[in-house]
Amino acid sequence: MLDRKQIEKIGMGSFLAVAQGSAEPPRFIVARYQGAAKGEAPVVLVGKGITFDTGGISIKPSDNMDKMKDDMSGGAAVLCAMAALSRLRAPIACIGVIPATENMPGGRAMKPGDILTSAEGKTVEVLNTDAEGRLILGDALWYARTLGVTHLVDVATLTGACVVALGRTTSGLFGRPAEWVEQVRRASERAGDRSWPMPLFDDYKDLLKSEIADFTNTGGRAGGAISAALFIKEFAGELPWVHMDIAGTAWAEETKPYQPKGATGVGVRTLVELALDVDAWGNLK
């Protein structure tokens, strides 16, 4: 569990920029489960842990802001998947990485127009402080890559645009290569967490162009879920990587025969199913 001083020492400027508006200190959580021989490349799961999201200076409308306590659903999914793998005594090595903080307005909060420097050294022009999840995930994915891994999966309540595109019954899948995305999609289907692949064409990169930084933190409304995923991709290096946007599926507005109203736990079963499919991590089918 890394505290603010340790996070500063590592140089996670994007994560710290989101955290600086809150009176609650940030934490960078790294959970390890060693169910396989030491030295084996571990599974790494990364989850967005925004414990409450006001939008920061680019503040959200007051209607339904109470639901923003669910913005840590990706981090919760990773933590619960780790607990499940431990209880199942899964024969794998697994690491869960969760950057956790609030996104609050205040005298110290980051502002639109700020330029941030990520842990990887890439610079980001902040156009909207409510596009904060991708900032903390960028630093988290960079950190995950330093752990000597072969594949990455991140889970996040990232964009309202994904809700518009796929509604509240299906999570969006983004990533590369196509074989790895399909591996994750099949795992989600077996687990009962419906998901659907979305495009990441290079043309969309133009949405993130900045004249004063490597890229901006938002590409606007058009293709919003795609430009957000492309931002995260910048921090995945060359590793096989999948991003699950669960903004529409993390919270149920009404009770169903198979789940109560409220938090759905989406992603937990998918991550466990994927991790247990050991062949997926070294030899894509």
Protein backbone atom coordinates (compact mmCIF):
# COMPACT_ATOMS: atom_id res chain seq x y z
CA MET A 1 0.00 0.00 0.00
CA LEU A 2 1.85 3.09 -1.22
CA ASP A 3 1.10 6.44 0.44
CA ARG A 4 1.43 9.93 -1.04
CA LYS A 5 5.16 10.25 -0.34
CA GLN A 6 5.91 6.90 -1.95
CA ILE A 7 3.72 7.77 -4.94
CA GLU A 8 5.56 11.09 -5.31
CA LYS A 9 8.91 9.30 -5.16
CA ILE A 10 7.87 7.03 -8.03
CA GLY A 11 6.77 10.10 -10.00
CA MET A 12 3.13 9.33 -10.68
CA GLY A 13 2.23 12.88 -11.66
CA SER A 14 -1.07 12.05 -13.33
CA PHE A 15 -2.37 10.07 -10.36
CA LEU A 16 -1.25 12.72 -7.87
CA ALA A 17 -2.87 15.51 -9.90
CA VAL A 18 -6.26 13.83 -9.54
CA ALA A 19 -5.68 13.21 -5.83
CA GLN A 20 -4.51 16.71 -4.89
CA GLY A 21 -7.99 18.23 -4.71
CA SER A 22 -9.12 15.89 -1.91
CA ALA A 23 -8.48 16.11 1.83
CA GLU A 24 -8.41 12.29 1.84
CA PRO A 25 -4.92 10.92 1.11
CA PRO A 26 -4.47 8.73 -2.00
CA ARG A 27 -3.37 5.12 -1.84
CA PHE A 28 -1.80 2.94 -4.52
CA ILE A 29 -2.77 -0.65 -3.74
CA VAL A 30 -0.73 -3.61 -4.97
CA ALA A 31 -2.15 -7.03 -4.02
CA ARG A 32 -0.22 -10.21 -4.77
CA TYR A 33 -1.37 -13.82 -4.89
CA GLN A 34 1.28 -16.47 -5.46
CA GLY A 35 -0.43 -19.74 -6.36
CA ALA A 36 2.19 -20.82 -8.89
CA ALA A 37 5.92 -21.40 -8.94
CA LYS A 38 7.91 -18.25 -8.29
CA GLY A 39 9.36 -16.76 -11.43
CA GLU A 40 6.27 -17.46 -13.52
CA ALA A 41 4.97 -14.33 -15.27
CA PRO A 42 1.95 -13.21 -13.25
CA VAL A 43 -1.48 -12.16 -14.36
CA VAL A 44 -1.87 -8.40 -13.76
CA LEU A 45 -5.31 -6.88 -13.23
CA VAL A 46 -5.67 -3.08 -12.96
CA GLY A 47 -8.79 -1.42 -11.55
CA LYS A 48 -9.89 2.22 -11.42
CA GLY A 49 -10.43 3.19 -7.78
CA ILE A 50 -12.02 6.65 -7.76
CA THR A 51 -13.82 6.38 -4.42
CA PHE A 52 -15.99 9.42 -5.21
CA ASP A 53 -16.08 11.47 -8.38
CA THR A 54 -17.44 15.02 -8.30
CA GLY A 55 -15.80 15.76 -11.64
CA GLY A 56 -13.35 18.10 -9.93
CA ILE A 57 -13.26 21.71 -11.20
CA SER A 58 -15.24 20.49 -14.25
CA ILE A 59 -17.95 19.58 -11.77
CA LYS A 60 -20.74 17.16 -12.62
CA PRO A 61 -24.46 18.07 -12.49
CA SER A 62 -25.93 17.51 -9.03
CA ASP A 63 -28.56 15.05 -10.31
CA ASN A 64 -27.42 11.48 -9.64
CA MET A 65 -24.05 12.57 -8.26
CA ASP A 66 -24.77 10.29 -5.31
CA LYS A 67 -24.15 7.37 -7.68
CA MET A 68 -20.54 8.48 -8.08
CA LYS A 69 -19.56 6.34 -5.12
CA ASP A 70 -19.60 3.53 -7.71
CA ASP A 71 -16.62 4.99 -9.57
CA MET A 72 -14.38 2.57 -7.67
CA SER A 73 -16.18 -0.44 -9.19
CA GLY A 74 -13.19 -1.40 -11.34
CA GLY A 75 -10.89 -1.40 -8.33
CA ALA A 76 -13.45 -3.35 -6.31
CA ALA A 77 -13.73 -5.93 -9.10
CA VAL A 78 -9.96 -6.44 -9.09
CA LEU A 79 -9.78 -6.74 -5.30
CA CYS A 80 -12.70 -9.20 -5.18
CA ALA A 81 -11.22 -11.24 -8.04
CA MET A 82 -7.97 -11.49 -6.09
CA ALA A 83 -9.89 -12.68 -3.02
CA ALA A 84 -11.77 -15.26 -5.12
CA LEU A 85 -8.56 -16.63 -6.67
CA SER A 86 -7.10 -17.01 -3.19
CA ARG A 87 -10.16 -18.87 -1.90
CA LEU A 88 -10.11 -21.11 -4.98
CA ARG A 89 -6.39 -21.76 -4.46
CA ALA A 90 -5.88 -21.06 -8.13
CA PRO A 91 -2.59 -22.46 -9.55
CA ILE A 92 -1.45 -19.09 -10.92
CA ALA A 93 0.48 -16.00 -9.92
CA CYS A 94 -1.66 -12.86 -9.92
CA ILE A 95 -1.15 -9.19 -9.09
CA GLY A 96 -3.90 -6.62 -8.61
CA VAL A 97 -3.08 -2.92 -9.02
CA ILE A 98 -5.57 -0.29 -7.80
CA PRO A 99 -4.92 3.48 -7.76
CA ALA A 100 -7.40 4.82 -5.18
CA THR A 101 -8.40 8.44 -4.58
CA GLU A 102 -11.29 10.90 -4.67
CA ASN A 103 -11.71 13.45 -7.48
CA MET A 104 -12.71 16.64 -5.69
CA PRO A 105 -12.83 20.41 -6.38
CA GLY A 106 -10.89 22.69 -4.08
CA GLY A 107 -8.08 25.21 -3.84
CA ARG A 108 -5.45 22.58 -4.62
CA ALA A 109 -7.41 20.72 -7.32
CA MET A 110 -6.00 20.34 -10.81
CA LYS A 111 -7.47 22.76 -13.34
CA PRO A 112 -8.36 22.67 -17.03
CA GLY A 113 -5.26 23.86 -18.84
CA ASP A 114 -2.78 22.16 -16.50
CA ILE A 115 0.02 20.10 -18.02
CA LEU A 116 0.75 16.85 -16.18
CA THR A 117 3.79 14.59 -16.42
CA SER A 118 3.04 10.92 -15.99
CA ALA A 119 5.34 8.36 -14.38
CA GLU A 120 6.35 7.23 -17.86
CA GLY A 121 7.37 10.80 -18.73
CA LYS A 122 4.54 11.47 -21.17
CA THR A 123 2.83 14.84 -20.83
CA VAL A 124 -0.93 15.41 -20.76
CA GLU A 125 -2.89 18.61 -21.33
CA VAL A 126 -5.95 18.62 -19.06
CA LEU A 127 -9.02 19.86 -20.91
CA ASN A 128 -11.60 18.41 -18.52
CA THR A 129 -10.94 17.36 -14.93
CA ASP A 130 -13.86 14.93 -15.09
CA ALA A 131 -11.75 12.78 -17.44
CA GLU A 132 -9.72 11.66 -14.44
CA GLY A 133 -10.00 7.87 -14.56
CA ARG A 134 -7.72 7.57 -17.57
CA LEU A 135 -5.11 9.70 -15.77
CA ILE A 136 -4.82 7.38 -12.79
CA LEU A 137 -5.00 4.28 -15.00
CA GLY A 138 -2.14 5.56 -17.15
CA ASP A 139 0.23 5.63 -14.20
CA ALA A 140 -1.15 2.31 -12.91
CA LEU A 141 -0.59 0.53 -16.24
CA TRP A 142 2.94 1.88 -16.41
CA TYR A 143 3.58 0.52 -12.90
CA ALA A 144 2.05 -2.84 -13.83
CA ARG A 145 4.44 -3.11 -16.77
CA THR A 146 7.41 -2.76 -14.42
CA LEU A 147 6.38 -5.98 -12.64
CA GLY A 148 7.62 -8.27 -15.43
CA VAL A 149 4.28 -9.35 -16.84
CA THR A 150 3.07 -10.72 -20.16
CA HIS A 151 -0.54 -9.47 -20.40
CA LEU A 152 -2.59 -6.57 -19.02
CA VAL A 153 -6.30 -6.15 -18.26
CA ASP A 154 -7.82 -2.98 -16.83
CA VAL A 155 -11.38 -2.50 -15.60
CA ALA A 156 -12.96 0.92 -15.16
CA THR A 157 -16.22 2.86 -14.99
CA LEU A 158 -14.63 5.13 -17.55
CA THR A 159 -17.06 6.88 -19.91
CA GLY A 160 -20.67 7.92 -20.26
CA ALA A 161 -20.06 7.49 -23.98
CA CYS A 162 -19.85 3.72 -23.49
CA VAL A 163 -23.25 3.80 -21.77
CA VAL A 164 -24.67 5.63 -24.79
CA ALA A 165 -23.11 3.11 -27.17
CA LEU A 166 -23.92 -0.16 -25.36
CA GLY A 167 -26.50 0.66 -22.71
CA ARG A 168 -26.52 -0.86 -19.23
CA THR A 169 -26.41 -4.54 -20.11
CA THR A 170 -23.09 -4.78 -21.97
CA SER A 171 -19.54 -3.70 -21.12
CA GLY A 172 -17.22 -2.35 -23.81
CA LEU A 173 -14.00 -4.18 -24.69
CA PHE A 174 -11.01 -2.40 -26.23
CA GLY A 175 -7.51 -3.69 -26.79
CA ARG A 176 -4.92 -5.48 -28.86
CA PRO A 177 -4.15 -7.92 -30.38
CA ALA A 178 -7.54 -9.14 -31.60
CA GLU A 179 -6.80 -12.65 -30.28
CA TRP A 180 -6.33 -11.35 -26.75
CA VAL A 181 -9.51 -9.27 -26.90
CA GLU A 182 -11.40 -12.36 -28.08
CA GLN A 183 -9.90 -14.40 -25.23
CA VAL A 184 -11.28 -11.88 -22.73
CA ARG A 185 -14.64 -11.71 -24.51
CA ARG A 186 -15.02 -15.49 -24.34
CA ALA A 187 -14.12 -15.45 -20.64
CA SER A 188 -16.78 -12.78 -20.00
CA GLU A 189 -19.35 -14.84 -21.92
CA ARG A 190 -18.59 -17.95 -19.88
CA ALA A 191 -18.76 -15.89 -16.69
CA GLY A 192 -22.09 -14.25 -17.50
CA ASP A 193 -20.67 -10.70 -17.80
CA ARG A 194 -21.79 -9.66 -21.28
CA SER A 195 -19.22 -7.60 -23.21
CA TRP A 196 -18.65 -6.44 -26.78
CA PRO A 197 -15.47 -5.48 -28.71
CA MET A 198 -15.14 -1.87 -29.86
CA PRO A 199 -12.75 -0.40 -32.47
CA LEU A 200 -9.44 1.36 -31.83
CA PHE A 201 -8.63 2.66 -35.30
CA ASP A 202 -5.62 4.98 -35.51
CA ASP A 203 -7.80 7.70 -37.08
CA TYR A 204 -9.28 8.36 -33.64
CA LYS A 205 -5.88 9.45 -32.29
CA ASP A 206 -6.46 12.85 -33.89
CA LEU A 207 -9.10 13.47 -31.20
CA LEU A 208 -6.35 13.61 -28.57
CA LYS A 209 -3.99 16.02 -30.36
CA SER A 210 -2.41 18.75 -28.24
CA GLU A 211 -0.24 21.66 -29.32
CA ILE A 212 1.59 21.86 -25.99
CA ALA A 213 1.72 18.26 -24.67
CA ASP A 214 1.96 14.71 -25.96
CA PHE A 215 -1.83 14.48 -25.93
CA THR A 216 -4.96 15.83 -24.24
CA ASN A 217 -6.95 13.94 -21.60
CA THR A 218 -10.21 14.03 -23.56
CA GLY A 219 -11.23 13.92 -27.20
CA GLY A 220 -14.72 15.37 -26.84
CA ARG A 221 -18.13 13.73 -27.11
CA ALA A 222 -17.82 12.02 -30.49
CA GLY A 223 -16.29 8.58 -30.02
CA GLY A 224 -15.68 9.38 -26.36
CA ALA A 225 -15.27 5.78 -25.20
CA ILE A 226 -12.83 5.08 -28.03
CA SER A 227 -10.65 8.15 -27.47
CA ALA A 228 -10.53 7.33 -23.74
CA ALA A 229 -9.37 3.79 -24.51
CA LEU A 230 -6.75 5.15 -26.92
CA PHE A 231 -5.45 7.39 -24.13
CA ILE A 232 -5.02 4.35 -21.86
CA LYS A 233 -3.39 2.40 -24.70
CA GLU A 234 -0.55 4.94 -24.68
CA PHE A 235 0.52 3.50 -21.31
CA ALA A 236 0.20 -0.21 -22.13
CA GLY A 237 3.53 -0.36 -23.97
CA GLU A 238 3.77 -3.24 -26.43
CA LEU A 239 2.08 -5.81 -24.19
CA PRO A 240 -1.22 -7.51 -25.06
CA TRP A 241 -3.79 -5.32 -23.32
CA VAL A 242 -7.56 -5.17 -22.82
CA HIS A 243 -9.60 -2.34 -21.35
CA MET A 244 -13.08 -3.10 -19.99
CA ASP A 245 -15.36 -0.05 -19.79
CA ILE A 246 -18.01 -0.98 -17.21
CA ALA A 247 -19.57 2.49 -16.82
CA GLY A 248 -22.98 1.18 -17.89
CA THR A 249 -22.91 -2.20 -16.17
CA ALA A 250 -21.43 -1.49 -12.71
CA TRP A 251 -24.71 -0.25 -11.21
CA ALA A 252 -28.24 -1.63 -11.63
CA GLU A 253 -31.08 0.89 -11.42
CA GLU A 254 -33.69 -1.76 -10.68
CA THR A 255 -33.92 -5.23 -9.18
CA LYS A 256 -33.73 -8.21 -11.53
CA PRO A 257 -34.41 -11.88 -10.80
CA TYR A 258 -30.64 -12.50 -10.92
CA GLN A 259 -29.38 -9.40 -9.07
CA PRO A 260 -30.52 -6.75 -6.59
CA LYS A 261 -30.60 -3.03 -7.27
CA GLY A 262 -27.25 -1.33 -6.77
CA ALA A 263 -23.68 -2.49 -7.34
CA THR A 264 -23.55 -5.49 -9.70
CA GLY A 265 -20.01 -6.75 -9.12
CA VAL A 266 -19.48 -6.80 -12.87
CA GLY A 267 -16.03 -7.92 -13.93
CA VAL A 268 -15.26 -10.11 -10.91
CA ARG A 269 -16.37 -13.35 -12.55
CA THR A 270 -14.75 -12.40 -15.86
CA LEU A 271 -11.38 -11.68 -14.25
CA VAL A 272 -11.48 -14.94 -12.28
CA GLU A 273 -12.50 -16.95 -15.33
CA LEU A 274 -9.74 -15.34 -17.37
CA ALA A 275 -7.09 -15.88 -14.71
CA LEU A 276 -8.06 -19.54 -14.29
CA ASP A 277 -7.68 -20.08 -18.03
CA VAL A 278 -3.92 -20.32 -17.60
CA ASP A 279 -3.30 -21.21 -21.25
CA ALA A 280 -4.63 -17.78 -22.24
CA TRP A 281 -1.68 -15.97 -20.70
CA GLY A 282 1.17 -17.78 -22.39
CA ASN A 283 -0.40 -19.37 -25.44
CA LEU A 284 -3.33 -17.59 -27.02
CA LYS A 285 -5.80 -20.05 -28.51
